[in-house]
Amino acid sequence: SPAGMVLSVLVILLLSVLYEAVKMGKAVLLRRALLALPRSLSQEALTEPQEGDSGPAQGSPSLMAFPVSFHRWFWFHVGQTLFHVVQVVLGYMVMLAVMSYNAWIFLGAIAGSTLGYFM
């Protein structure tokens, strides 16, 4: 029916927009994860005491910040993994719909992808 076809095209359009939004969210989360990493992971930065410190284990900003940064990075990575799973599932759903070889569904997927990227 025409109403069912219009609904199908709208659902595919929204799935394509959501796919692009998840892709963008994953990129933002990657940027935040990279910013959560310590600036330097070199052995010297982790073992050398800072000026005025009595030893590397007592108050060295590099040693104190590393576990906290790694913990934040780990949770960002978990979030990225979940975003990736959602992105793959949405991508396969849109691909499966396009493989129905219906021109209107194909145009809905293209329009949704374009709209999602634009937003």
PDB file of N, CA and C in Angstrom:
ATOM      1  N   SER A   1       0.835  -1.186   0.000  1.00  0.00           N
ATOM      2  CA  SER A   1       0.000   0.000   0.000  1.00  0.00           C
ATOM      3  C   SER A   1       0.885   1.257   0.000  1.00  0.00           C
ATOM      4  N   PRO A   2       0.386   2.337  -0.510  1.00  0.00           N
ATOM      5  CA  PRO A   2       1.174   3.578  -0.554  1.00  0.00           C
ATOM      6  C   PRO A   2       1.560   4.096   0.838  1.00  0.00           C
ATOM      7  N   ALA A   3       0.639   3.963   1.793  1.00  0.00           N
ATOM      8  CA  ALA A   3       0.946   4.431   3.149  1.00  0.00           C
ATOM      9  C   ALA A   3       2.067   3.590   3.768  1.00  0.00           C
ATOM     10  N   GLY A   4       2.043   2.288   3.535  1.00  0.00           N
ATOM     11  CA  GLY A   4       3.102   1.414   4.038  1.00  0.00           C
ATOM     12  C   GLY A   4       4.454   1.728   3.410  1.00  0.00           C
ATOM     13  N   MET A   5       4.432   2.072   2.131  1.00  0.00           N
ATOM     14  CA  MET A   5       5.681   2.420   1.447  1.00  0.00           C
ATOM     15  C   MET A   5       6.248   3.722   1.991  1.00  0.00           C
ATOM     16  N   VAL A   6       5.384   4.712   2.195  1.00  0.00           N
ATOM     17  CA  VAL A   6       5.831   5.998   2.745  1.00  0.00           C
ATOM     18  C   VAL A   6       6.402   5.788   4.150  1.00  0.00           C
ATOM     19  N   LEU A   7       5.741   4.970   4.947  1.00  0.00           N
ATOM     20  CA  LEU A   7       6.233   4.675   6.290  1.00  0.00           C
ATOM     21  C   LEU A   7       7.586   3.962   6.233  1.00  0.00           C
ATOM     22  N   SER A   8       7.722   3.032   5.317  1.00  0.00           N
ATOM     23  CA  SER A   8       8.995   2.320   5.163  1.00  0.00           C
ATOM     24  C   SER A   8      10.123   3.267   4.773  1.00  0.00           C
ATOM     25  N   VAL A   9       9.841   4.159   3.850  1.00  0.00           N
ATOM     26  CA  VAL A   9      10.864   5.119   3.421  1.00  0.00           C
ATOM     27  C   VAL A   9      11.243   6.034   4.579  1.00  0.00           C
ATOM     28  N   LEU A  10      10.253   6.488   5.351  1.00  0.00           N
ATOM     29  CA  LEU A  10      10.542   7.347   6.499  1.00  0.00           C
ATOM     30  C   LEU A  10      11.370   6.618   7.567  1.00  0.00           C
ATOM     31  N   VAL A  11      11.070   5.354   7.804  1.00  0.00           N
ATOM     32  CA  VAL A  11      11.840   4.576   8.784  1.00  0.00           C
ATOM     33  C   VAL A  11      13.288   4.426   8.311  1.00  0.00           C
ATOM     34  N   ILE A  12      13.486   4.129   7.047  1.00  0.00           N
ATOM     35  CA  ILE A  12      14.847   4.000   6.510  1.00  0.00           C
ATOM     36  C   ILE A  12      15.564   5.339   6.556  1.00  0.00           C
ATOM     37  N   LEU A  13      14.843   6.413   6.253  1.00  0.00           N
ATOM     38  CA  LEU A  13      15.433   7.749   6.336  1.00  0.00           C
ATOM     39  C   LEU A  13      15.896   8.037   7.766  1.00  0.00           C
ATOM     40  N   LEU A  14      15.058   7.739   8.746  1.00  0.00           N
ATOM     41  CA  LEU A  14      15.432   7.970  10.143  1.00  0.00           C
ATOM     42  C   LEU A  14      16.570   7.065  10.591  1.00  0.00           C
ATOM     43  N   LEU A  15      16.582   5.826  10.135  1.00  0.00           N
ATOM     44  CA  LEU A  15      17.695   4.924  10.467  1.00  0.00           C
ATOM     45  C   LEU A  15      19.013   5.450   9.885  1.00  0.00           C
ATOM     46  N   SER A  16      18.952   6.004   8.692  1.00  0.00           N
ATOM     47  CA  SER A  16      20.164   6.560   8.079  1.00  0.00           C
ATOM     48  C   SER A  16      20.645   7.794   8.833  1.00  0.00           C
ATOM     49  N   VAL A  17      19.706   8.640   9.247  1.00  0.00           N
ATOM     50  CA  VAL A  17      20.076   9.810  10.047  1.00  0.00           C
ATOM     51  C   VAL A  17      20.695   9.361  11.371  1.00  0.00           C
ATOM     52  N   LEU A  18      20.082   8.376  12.002  1.00  0.00           N
ATOM     53  CA  LEU A  18      20.611   7.859  13.269  1.00  0.00           C
ATOM     54  C   LEU A  18      21.995   7.245  13.079  1.00  0.00           C
ATOM     55  N   TYR A  19      22.208   6.561  11.970  1.00  0.00           N
ATOM     56  CA  TYR A  19      23.524   5.988  11.666  1.00  0.00           C
ATOM     57  C   TYR A  19      24.580   7.087  11.617  1.00  0.00           C
ATOM     58  N   GLU A  20      24.276   8.175  10.921  1.00  0.00           N
ATOM     59  CA  GLU A  20      25.228   9.285  10.817  1.00  0.00           C
ATOM     60  C   GLU A  20      25.444   9.954  12.169  1.00  0.00           C
ATOM     61  N   ALA A  21      24.397  10.068  12.974  1.00  0.00           N
ATOM     62  CA  ALA A  21      24.530  10.670  14.303  1.00  0.00           C
ATOM     63  C   ALA A  21      25.414   9.809  15.201  1.00  0.00           C
ATOM     64  N   VAL A  22      25.248   8.501  15.142  1.00  0.00           N
ATOM     65  CA  VAL A  22      26.081   7.595  15.936  1.00  0.00           C
ATOM     66  C   VAL A  22      27.523   7.673  15.468  1.00  0.00           C
ATOM     67  N   LYS A  23      27.722   7.762  14.160  1.00  0.00           N
ATOM     68  CA  LYS A  23      29.083   7.882  13.622  1.00  0.00           C
ATOM     69  C   LYS A  23      29.752   9.152  14.143  1.00  0.00           C
ATOM     70  N   MET A  24      29.007  10.235  14.177  1.00  0.00           N
ATOM     71  CA  MET A  24      29.555  11.492  14.679  1.00  0.00           C
ATOM     72  C   MET A  24      29.795  11.416  16.185  1.00  0.00           C
ATOM     73  N   GLY A  25      28.877  10.814  16.907  1.00  0.00           N
ATOM     74  CA  GLY A  25      29.056  10.646  18.357  1.00  0.00           C
ATOM     75  C   GLY A  25      30.283   9.820  18.681  1.00  0.00           C
ATOM     76  N   LYS A  26      30.535   8.817  17.861  1.00  0.00           N
ATOM     77  CA  LYS A  26      31.724   7.989  18.069  1.00  0.00           C
ATOM     78  C   LYS A  26      32.992   8.802  17.859  1.00  0.00           C
ATOM     79  N   ALA A  27      32.996   9.693  16.890  1.00  0.00           N
ATOM     80  CA  ALA A  27      34.164  10.535  16.642  1.00  0.00           C
ATOM     81  C   ALA A  27      34.397  11.514  17.801  1.00  0.00           C
ATOM     82  N   VAL A  28      33.319  12.064  18.338  1.00  0.00           N
ATOM     83  CA  VAL A  28      33.444  12.972  19.491  1.00  0.00           C
ATOM     84  C   VAL A  28      33.979  12.218  20.693  1.00  0.00           C
ATOM     85  N   LEU A  29      33.490  11.013  20.915  1.00  0.00           N
ATOM     86  CA  LEU A  29      33.961  10.211  22.036  1.00  0.00           C
ATOM     87  C   LEU A  29      35.426   9.828  21.862  1.00  0.00           C
ATOM     88  N   LEU A  30      35.850   9.559  20.634  1.00  0.00           N
ATOM     89  CA  LEU A  30      37.260   9.260  20.378  1.00  0.00           C
ATOM     90  C   LEU A  30      38.129  10.460  20.737  1.00  0.00           C
ATOM     91  N   ARG A  31      37.686  11.640  20.365  1.00  0.00           N
ATOM     92  CA  ARG A  31      38.450  12.851  20.690  1.00  0.00           C
ATOM     93  C   ARG A  31      38.572  13.014  22.200  1.00  0.00           C
ATOM     94  N   ARG A  32      37.485  12.811  22.921  1.00  0.00           N
ATOM     95  CA  ARG A  32      37.529  12.921  24.383  1.00  0.00           C
ATOM     96  C   ARG A  32      38.429  11.856  24.994  1.00  0.00           C
ATOM     97  N   ALA A  33      38.406  10.662  24.428  1.00  0.00           N
ATOM     98  CA  ALA A  33      39.264   9.596  24.945  1.00  0.00           C
ATOM     99  C   ALA A  33      40.729   9.936  24.733  1.00  0.00           C
ATOM    100  N   LEU A  34      41.055  10.502  23.586  1.00  0.00           N
ATOM    101  CA  LEU A  34      42.443  10.880  23.335  1.00  0.00           C
ATOM    102  C   LEU A  34      42.887  12.011  24.252  1.00  0.00           C
ATOM    103  N   LEU A  35      41.977  12.915  24.570  1.00  0.00           N
ATOM    104  CA  LEU A  35      42.317  13.997  25.492  1.00  0.00           C
ATOM    105  C   LEU A  35      42.464  13.498  26.924  1.00  0.00           C
ATOM    106  N   ALA A  36      41.850  12.360  27.244  1.00  0.00           N
ATOM    107  CA  ALA A  36      41.944  11.802  28.591  1.00  0.00           C
ATOM    108  C   ALA A  36      43.265  11.089  28.828  1.00  0.00           C
ATOM    109  N   LEU A  37      43.959  10.736  27.751  1.00  0.00           N
ATOM    110  CA  LEU A  37      45.249  10.078  27.912  1.00  0.00           C
ATOM    111  C   LEU A  37      46.276  11.062  28.429  1.00  0.00           C
ATOM    112  N   PRO A  38      47.254  10.580  29.192  1.00  0.00           N
ATOM    113  CA  PRO A  38      48.320  11.488  29.629  1.00  0.00           C
ATOM    114  C   PRO A  38      49.102  12.007  28.433  1.00  0.00           C
ATOM    115  N   ARG A  39      49.655  13.194  28.574  1.00  0.00           N
ATOM    116  CA  ARG A  39      50.377  13.820  27.473  1.00  0.00           C
ATOM    117  C   ARG A  39      51.584  12.999  27.046  1.00  0.00           C
ATOM    118  N   SER A  40      52.259  12.391  28.007  1.00  0.00           N
ATOM    119  CA  SER A  40      53.460  11.633  27.686  1.00  0.00           C
ATOM    120  C   SER A  40      53.419  10.288  28.386  1.00  0.00           C
ATOM    121  N   LEU A  41      53.663   9.259  27.631  1.00  0.00           N
ATOM    122  CA  LEU A  41      53.724   7.920  28.209  1.00  0.00           C
ATOM    123  C   LEU A  41      55.151   7.391  28.212  1.00  0.00           C
ATOM    124  N   SER A  42      56.114   8.289  28.044  1.00  0.00           N
ATOM    125  CA  SER A  42      57.501   7.843  27.998  1.00  0.00           C
ATOM    126  C   SER A  42      57.937   7.356  29.378  1.00  0.00           C
ATOM    127  N   GLN A  43      58.878   6.462  29.394  1.00  0.00           N
ATOM    128  CA  GLN A  43      59.377   5.904  30.646  1.00  0.00           C
ATOM    129  C   GLN A  43      60.012   6.998  31.506  1.00  0.00           C
ATOM    130  N   GLU A  44      60.692   7.958  30.869  1.00  0.00           N
ATOM    131  CA  GLU A  44      61.340   9.026  31.624  1.00  0.00           C
ATOM    132  C   GLU A  44      60.307   9.877  32.355  1.00  0.00           C
ATOM    133  N   ALA A  45      59.213  10.188  31.685  1.00  0.00           N
ATOM    134  CA  ALA A  45      58.188  11.027  32.302  1.00  0.00           C
ATOM    135  C   ALA A  45      57.515  10.317  33.460  1.00  0.00           C
ATOM    136  N   LEU A  46      57.476   8.992  33.417  1.00  0.00           N
ATOM    137  CA  LEU A  46      56.825   8.245  34.483  1.00  0.00           C
ATOM    138  C   LEU A  46      57.747   7.985  35.662  1.00  0.00           C
ATOM    139  N   THR A  47      59.051   7.964  35.446  1.00  0.00           N
ATOM    140  CA  THR A  47      59.964   7.604  36.529  1.00  0.00           C
ATOM    141  C   THR A  47      60.753   8.779  37.081  1.00  0.00           C
ATOM    142  N   GLU A  48      60.957   9.836  36.322  1.00  0.00           N
ATOM    143  CA  GLU A  48      61.736  10.962  36.815  1.00  0.00           C
ATOM    144  C   GLU A  48      60.905  11.807  37.755  1.00  0.00           C
ATOM    145  N   PRO A  49      61.453  12.175  38.913  1.00  0.00           N
ATOM    146  CA  PRO A  49      60.711  13.051  39.817  1.00  0.00           C
ATOM    147  C   PRO A  49      60.671  14.476  39.275  1.00  0.00           C
ATOM    148  N   GLN A  50      59.628  15.172  39.607  1.00  0.00           N
ATOM    149  CA  GLN A  50      59.517  16.569  39.223  1.00  0.00           C
ATOM    150  C   GLN A  50      60.376  17.407  40.161  1.00  0.00           C
ATOM    151  N   GLU A  51      60.614  18.652  39.781  1.00  0.00           N
ATOM    152  CA  GLU A  51      61.426  19.523  40.613  1.00  0.00           C
ATOM    153  C   GLU A  51      60.775  19.685  41.974  1.00  0.00           C
ATOM    154  N   GLY A  52      61.580  19.540  43.034  1.00  0.00           N
ATOM    155  CA  GLY A  52      61.085  19.718  44.389  1.00  0.00           C
ATOM    156  C   GLY A  52      60.489  18.462  44.979  1.00  0.00           C
ATOM    157  N   ASP A  53      60.408  17.381  44.246  1.00  0.00           N
ATOM    158  CA  ASP A  53      59.874  16.129  44.783  1.00  0.00           C
ATOM    159  C   ASP A  53      61.007  15.327  45.390  1.00  0.00           C
ATOM    160  N   SER A  54      60.681  14.537  46.407  1.00  0.00           N
ATOM    161  CA  SER A  54      61.712  13.716  47.034  1.00  0.00           C
ATOM    162  C   SER A  54      61.897  12.389  46.325  1.00  0.00           C
ATOM    163  N   GLY A  55      60.929  11.957  45.546  1.00  0.00           N
ATOM    164  CA  GLY A  55      61.053  10.684  44.840  1.00  0.00           C
ATOM    165  C   GLY A  55      59.948  10.539  43.828  1.00  0.00           C
ATOM    166  N   PRO A  56      60.084   9.570  42.929  1.00  0.00           N
ATOM    167  CA  PRO A  56      59.093   9.424  41.871  1.00  0.00           C
ATOM    168  C   PRO A  56      57.728   8.994  42.381  1.00  0.00           C
ATOM    169  N   ALA A  57      57.662   8.308  43.496  1.00  0.00           N
ATOM    170  CA  ALA A  57      56.376   7.800  43.968  1.00  0.00           C
ATOM    171  C   ALA A  57      55.650   8.806  44.843  1.00  0.00           C
ATOM    172  N   GLN A  58      56.335   9.879  45.262  1.00  0.00           N
ATOM    173  CA  GLN A  58      55.718  10.821  46.182  1.00  0.00           C
ATOM    174  C   GLN A  58      55.346  12.101  45.462  1.00  0.00           C
ATOM    175  N   GLY A  59      54.143  12.182  44.982  1.00  0.00           N
ATOM    176  CA  GLY A  59      53.619  13.410  44.432  1.00  0.00           C
ATOM    177  C   GLY A  59      53.976  13.706  42.991  1.00  0.00           C
ATOM    178  N   SER A  60      54.532  12.771  42.276  1.00  0.00           N
ATOM    179  CA  SER A  60      54.839  13.028  40.876  1.00  0.00           C
ATOM    180  C   SER A  60      53.537  13.126  40.099  1.00  0.00           C
ATOM    181  N   PRO A  61      53.289  14.250  39.443  1.00  0.00           N
ATOM    182  CA  PRO A  61      52.022  14.387  38.703  1.00  0.00           C
ATOM    183  C   PRO A  61      51.835  13.308  37.650  1.00  0.00           C
ATOM    184  N   SER A  62      52.922  12.887  37.003  1.00  0.00           N
ATOM    185  CA  SER A  62      52.787  11.864  35.962  1.00  0.00           C
ATOM    186  C   SER A  62      52.309  10.546  36.545  1.00  0.00           C
ATOM    187  N   LEU A  63      52.879  10.171  37.687  1.00  0.00           N
ATOM    188  CA  LEU A  63      52.488   8.892  38.271  1.00  0.00           C
ATOM    189  C   LEU A  63      51.102   8.959  38.894  1.00  0.00           C
ATOM    190  N   MET A  64      50.756  10.103  39.440  1.00  0.00           N
ATOM    191  CA  MET A  64      49.446  10.201  40.069  1.00  0.00           C
ATOM    192  C   MET A  64      48.343  10.327  39.028  1.00  0.00           C
ATOM    193  N   ALA A  65      48.617  10.967  37.906  1.00  0.00           N
ATOM    194  CA  ALA A  65      47.583  11.196  36.898  1.00  0.00           C
ATOM    195  C   ALA A  65      47.363   9.988  36.002  1.00  0.00           C
ATOM    196  N   PHE A  66      48.372   9.143  35.858  1.00  0.00           N
ATOM    197  CA  PHE A  66      48.255   8.040  34.910  1.00  0.00           C
ATOM    198  C   PHE A  66      47.098   7.095  35.218  1.00  0.00           C
ATOM    199  N   PRO A  67      46.955   6.583  36.477  1.00  0.00           N
ATOM    200  CA  PRO A  67      45.830   5.661  36.707  1.00  0.00           C
ATOM    201  C   PRO A  67      44.472   6.325  36.504  1.00  0.00           C
ATOM    202  N   VAL A  68      44.343   7.588  36.902  1.00  0.00           N
ATOM    203  CA  VAL A  68      43.070   8.271  36.727  1.00  0.00           C
ATOM    204  C   VAL A  68      42.783   8.451  35.235  1.00  0.00           C
ATOM    205  N   SER A  69      43.788   8.874  34.474  1.00  0.00           N
ATOM    206  CA  SER A  69      43.606   9.061  33.046  1.00  0.00           C
ATOM    207  C   SER A  69      43.303   7.744  32.361  1.00  0.00           C
ATOM    208  N   PHE A  70      44.005   6.691  32.772  1.00  0.00           N
ATOM    209  CA  PHE A  70      43.747   5.395  32.152  1.00  0.00           C
ATOM    210  C   PHE A  70      42.335   4.930  32.470  1.00  0.00           C
ATOM    211  N   HIS A  71      41.880   5.175  33.685  1.00  0.00           N
ATOM    212  CA  HIS A  71      40.517   4.774  34.071  1.00  0.00           C
ATOM    213  C   HIS A  71      39.489   5.521  33.214  1.00  0.00           C
ATOM    214  N   ARG A  72      39.686   6.820  33.042  1.00  0.00           N
ATOM    215  CA  ARG A  72      38.776   7.593  32.189  1.00  0.00           C
ATOM    216  C   ARG A  72      38.846   7.103  30.754  1.00  0.00           C
ATOM    217  N   TRP A  73      40.063   6.853  30.270  1.00  0.00           N
ATOM    218  CA  TRP A  73      40.230   6.376  28.902  1.00  0.00           C
ATOM    219  C   TRP A  73      39.516   5.045  28.718  1.00  0.00           C
ATOM    220  N   PHE A  74      39.602   4.154  29.709  1.00  0.00           N
ATOM    221  CA  PHE A  74      38.965   2.839  29.616  1.00  0.00           C
ATOM    222  C   PHE A  74      37.457   2.995  29.431  1.00  0.00           C
ATOM    223  N   TRP A  75      36.824   3.886  30.207  1.00  0.00           N
ATOM    224  CA  TRP A  75      35.378   4.050  30.094  1.00  0.00           C
ATOM    225  C   TRP A  75      34.993   4.731  28.787  1.00  0.00           C
ATOM    226  N   PHE A  76      35.851   5.623  28.301  1.00  0.00           N
ATOM    227  CA  PHE A  76      35.604   6.181  26.977  1.00  0.00           C
ATOM    228  C   PHE A  76      35.682   5.077  25.918  1.00  0.00           C
ATOM    229  N   HIS A  77      36.615   4.152  26.085  1.00  0.00           N
ATOM    230  CA  HIS A  77      36.768   3.058  25.132  1.00  0.00           C
ATOM    231  C   HIS A  77      35.553   2.121  25.170  1.00  0.00           C
ATOM    232  N   VAL A  78      35.032   1.878  26.366  1.00  0.00           N
ATOM    233  CA  VAL A  78      33.808   1.068  26.486  1.00  0.00           C
ATOM    234  C   VAL A  78      32.656   1.760  25.759  1.00  0.00           C
ATOM    235  N   GLY A  79      32.543   3.071  25.942  1.00  0.00           N
ATOM    236  CA  GLY A  79      31.508   3.830  25.243  1.00  0.00           C
ATOM    237  C   GLY A  79      31.681   3.766  23.736  1.00  0.00           C
ATOM    238  N   GLN A  80      32.929   3.887  23.277  1.00  0.00           N
ATOM    239  CA  GLN A  80      33.196   3.786  21.839  1.00  0.00           C
ATOM    240  C   GLN A  80      32.808   2.417  21.309  1.00  0.00           C
ATOM    241  N   THR A  81      33.070   1.383  22.080  1.00  0.00           N
ATOM    242  CA  THR A  81      32.727   0.024  21.659  1.00  0.00           C
ATOM    243  C   THR A  81      31.213  -0.115  21.502  1.00  0.00           C
ATOM    244  N   LEU A  82      30.469   0.421  22.454  1.00  0.00           N
ATOM    245  CA  LEU A  82      29.002   0.359  22.361  1.00  0.00           C
ATOM    246  C   LEU A  82      28.498   1.161  21.166  1.00  0.00           C
ATOM    247  N   PHE A  83      29.073   2.345  20.954  1.00  0.00           N
ATOM    248  CA  PHE A  83      28.701   3.138  19.782  1.00  0.00           C
ATOM    249  C   PHE A  83      28.997   2.366  18.501  1.00  0.00           C
ATOM    250  N   HIS A  84      30.130   1.663  18.477  1.00  0.00           N
ATOM    251  CA  HIS A  84      30.501   0.902  17.282  1.00  0.00           C
ATOM    252  C   HIS A  84      29.491  -0.211  17.006  1.00  0.00           C
ATOM    253  N   VAL A  85      29.071  -0.909  18.048  1.00  0.00           N
ATOM    254  CA  VAL A  85      28.092  -1.987  17.871  1.00  0.00           C
ATOM    255  C   VAL A  85      26.784  -1.431  17.314  1.00  0.00           C
ATOM    256  N   VAL A  86      26.331  -0.311  17.875  1.00  0.00           N
ATOM    257  CA  VAL A  86      25.091   0.308  17.385  1.00  0.00           C
ATOM    258  C   VAL A  86      25.261   0.749  15.937  1.00  0.00           C
ATOM    259  N   GLN A  87      26.432   1.319  15.611  1.00  0.00           N
ATOM    260  CA  GLN A  87      26.682   1.770  14.245  1.00  0.00           C
ATOM    261  C   GLN A  87      26.668   0.603  13.262  1.00  0.00           C
ATOM    262  N   VAL A  88      27.280  -0.500  13.630  1.00  0.00           N
ATOM    263  CA  VAL A  88      27.313  -1.667  12.737  1.00  0.00           C
ATOM    264  C   VAL A  88      25.908  -2.232  12.540  1.00  0.00           C
ATOM    265  N   VAL A  89      25.144  -2.341  13.621  1.00  0.00           N
ATOM    266  CA  VAL A  89      23.785  -2.878  13.511  1.00  0.00           C
ATOM    267  C   VAL A  89      22.925  -1.982  12.621  1.00  0.00           C
ATOM    268  N   LEU A  90      22.995  -0.664  12.846  1.00  0.00           N
ATOM    269  CA  LEU A  90      22.219   0.248  12.002  1.00  0.00           C
ATOM    270  C   LEU A  90      22.667   0.178  10.547  1.00  0.00           C
ATOM    271  N   GLY A  91      23.959   0.099  10.325  1.00  0.00           N
ATOM    272  CA  GLY A  91      24.476   0.009   8.957  1.00  0.00           C
ATOM    273  C   GLY A  91      23.979  -1.228   8.235  1.00  0.00           C
ATOM    274  N   TYR A  92      23.986  -2.357   8.945  1.00  0.00           N
ATOM    275  CA  TYR A  92      23.495  -3.582   8.309  1.00  0.00           C
ATOM    276  C   TYR A  92      21.988  -3.527   8.073  1.00  0.00           C
ATOM    277  N   MET A  93      21.252  -2.879   8.978  1.00  0.00           N
ATOM    278  CA  MET A  93      19.801  -2.760   8.771  1.00  0.00           C
ATOM    279  C   MET A  93      19.499  -1.910   7.539  1.00  0.00           C
ATOM    280  N   VAL A  94      20.212  -0.801   7.385  1.00  0.00           N
ATOM    281  CA  VAL A  94      20.012   0.053   6.214  1.00  0.00           C
ATOM    282  C   VAL A  94      20.444  -0.692   4.951  1.00  0.00           C
ATOM    283  N   MET A  95      21.557  -1.411   5.033  1.00  0.00           N
ATOM    284  CA  MET A  95      22.023  -2.166   3.868  1.00  0.00           C
ATOM    285  C   MET A  95      21.002  -3.241   3.468  1.00  0.00           C
ATOM    286  N   LEU A  96      20.443  -3.909   4.457  1.00  0.00           N
ATOM    287  CA  LEU A  96      19.446  -4.943   4.170  1.00  0.00           C
ATOM    288  C   LEU A  96      18.225  -4.338   3.492  1.00  0.00           C
ATOM    289  N   ALA A  97      17.808  -3.154   3.943  1.00  0.00           N
ATOM    290  CA  ALA A  97      16.664  -2.491   3.318  1.00  0.00           C
ATOM    291  C   ALA A  97      16.984  -2.080   1.889  1.00  0.00           C
ATOM    292  N   VAL A  98      18.175  -1.561   1.673  1.00  0.00           N
ATOM    293  CA  VAL A  98      18.574  -1.138   0.319  1.00  0.00           C
ATOM    294  C   VAL A  98      18.662  -2.351  -0.607  1.00  0.00           C
ATOM    295  N   MET A  99      19.052  -3.487  -0.069  1.00  0.00           N
ATOM    296  CA  MET A  99      19.173  -4.697  -0.887  1.00  0.00           C
ATOM    297  C   MET A  99      17.814  -5.247  -1.312  1.00  0.00           C
ATOM    298  N   SER A 100      16.736  -4.597  -0.907  1.00  0.00           N
ATOM    299  CA  SER A 100      15.418  -4.987  -1.416  1.00  0.00           C
ATOM    300  C   SER A 100      15.231  -4.500  -2.850  1.00  0.00           C
ATOM    301  N   TYR A 101      16.200  -3.708  -3.332  1.00  0.00           N
ATOM    302  CA  TYR A 101      16.200  -3.181  -4.707  1.00  0.00           C
ATOM    303  C   TYR A 101      14.955  -2.354  -5.015  1.00  0.00           C
ATOM    304  N   ASN A 102      14.514  -1.620  -4.004  1.00  0.00           N
ATOM    305  CA  ASN A 102      13.392  -0.704  -4.188  1.00  0.00           C
ATOM    306  C   ASN A 102      13.984   0.702  -4.305  1.00  0.00           C
ATOM    307  N   ALA A 103      13.655   1.397  -5.374  1.00  0.00           N
ATOM    308  CA  ALA A 103      14.241   2.711  -5.627  1.00  0.00           C
ATOM    309  C   ALA A 103      13.864   3.717  -4.546  1.00  0.00           C
ATOM    310  N   TRP A 104      12.629   3.668  -4.044  1.00  0.00           N
ATOM    311  CA  TRP A 104      12.204   4.627  -3.021  1.00  0.00           C
ATOM    312  C   TRP A 104      12.940   4.388  -1.704  1.00  0.00           C
ATOM    313  N   ILE A 105      13.137   3.135  -1.360  1.00  0.00           N
ATOM    314  CA  ILE A 105      13.903   2.807  -0.138  1.00  0.00           C
ATOM    315  C   ILE A 105      15.339   3.284  -0.307  1.00  0.00           C
ATOM    316  N   PHE A 106      15.908   3.057  -1.481  1.00  0.00           N
ATOM    317  CA  PHE A 106      17.276   3.504  -1.754  1.00  0.00           C
ATOM    318  C   PHE A 106      17.380   5.025  -1.629  1.00  0.00           C
ATOM    319  N   LEU A 107      16.428   5.743  -2.215  1.00  0.00           N
ATOM    320  CA  LEU A 107      16.449   7.201  -2.122  1.00  0.00           C
ATOM    321  C   LEU A 107      16.248   7.673  -0.679  1.00  0.00           C
ATOM    322  N   GLY A 108      15.431   6.958   0.098  1.00  0.00           N
ATOM    323  CA  GLY A 108      15.262   7.287   1.515  1.00  0.00           C
ATOM    324  C   GLY A 108      16.556   7.119   2.294  1.00  0.00           C
ATOM    325  N   ALA A 109      17.299   6.063   1.971  1.00  0.00           N
ATOM    326  CA  ALA A 109      18.584   5.837   2.638  1.00  0.00           C
ATOM    327  C   ALA A 109      19.590   6.922   2.259  1.00  0.00           C
ATOM    328  N   ILE A 110      19.619   7.300   0.997  1.00  0.00           N
ATOM    329  CA  ILE A 110      20.531   8.350   0.543  1.00  0.00           C
ATOM    330  C   ILE A 110      20.151   9.694   1.176  1.00  0.00           C
ATOM    331  N   ALA A 111      18.855  10.013   1.167  1.00  0.00           N
ATOM    332  CA  ALA A 111      18.402  11.278   1.757  1.00  0.00           C
ATOM    333  C   ALA A 111      18.678  11.318   3.256  1.00  0.00           C
ATOM    334  N   GLY A 112      18.458  10.213   3.940  1.00  0.00           N
ATOM    335  CA  GLY A 112      18.723  10.157   5.378  1.00  0.00           C
ATOM    336  C   GLY A 112      20.202  10.292   5.698  1.00  0.00           C
ATOM    337  N   SER A 113      21.027   9.655   4.898  1.00  0.00           N
ATOM    338  CA  SER A 113      22.466   9.770   5.097  1.00  0.00           C
ATOM    339  C   SER A 113      22.940  11.199   4.854  1.00  0.00           C
ATOM    340  N   THR A 114      22.400  11.826   3.820  1.00  0.00           N
ATOM    341  CA  THR A 114      22.757  13.214   3.517  1.00  0.00           C
ATOM    342  C   THR A 114      22.288  14.148   4.624  1.00  0.00           C
ATOM    343  N   LEU A 115      21.062  13.982   5.045  1.00  0.00           N
ATOM    344  CA  LEU A 115      20.515  14.815   6.113  1.00  0.00           C
ATOM    345  C   LEU A 115      21.279  14.615   7.417  1.00  0.00           C
ATOM    346  N   GLY A 116      21.584  13.358   7.742  1.00  0.00           N
ATOM    347  CA  GLY A 116      22.322  13.060   8.967  1.00  0.00           C
ATOM    348  C   GLY A 116      23.719  13.642   8.965  1.00  0.00           C
ATOM    349  N   TYR A 117      24.378  13.615   7.828  1.00  0.00           N
ATOM    350  CA  TYR A 117      25.726  14.192   7.718  1.00  0.00           C
ATOM    351  C   TYR A 117      25.658  15.713   7.815  1.00  0.00           C
ATOM    352  N   PHE A 118      24.623  16.292   7.219  1.00  0.00           N
ATOM    353  CA  PHE A 118      24.478  17.746   7.224  1.00  0.00           C
ATOM    354  C   PHE A 118      24.239  18.270   8.623  1.00  0.00           C
ATOM    355  N   MET A 119      23.438  17.527   9.395  1.00  0.00           N
ATOM    356  CA  MET A 119      23.120  17.967  10.765  1.00  0.00           C
ATOM    357  C   MET A 119      24.336  17.787  11.631  1.00  0.00           C
TER     358      MET A 119
END
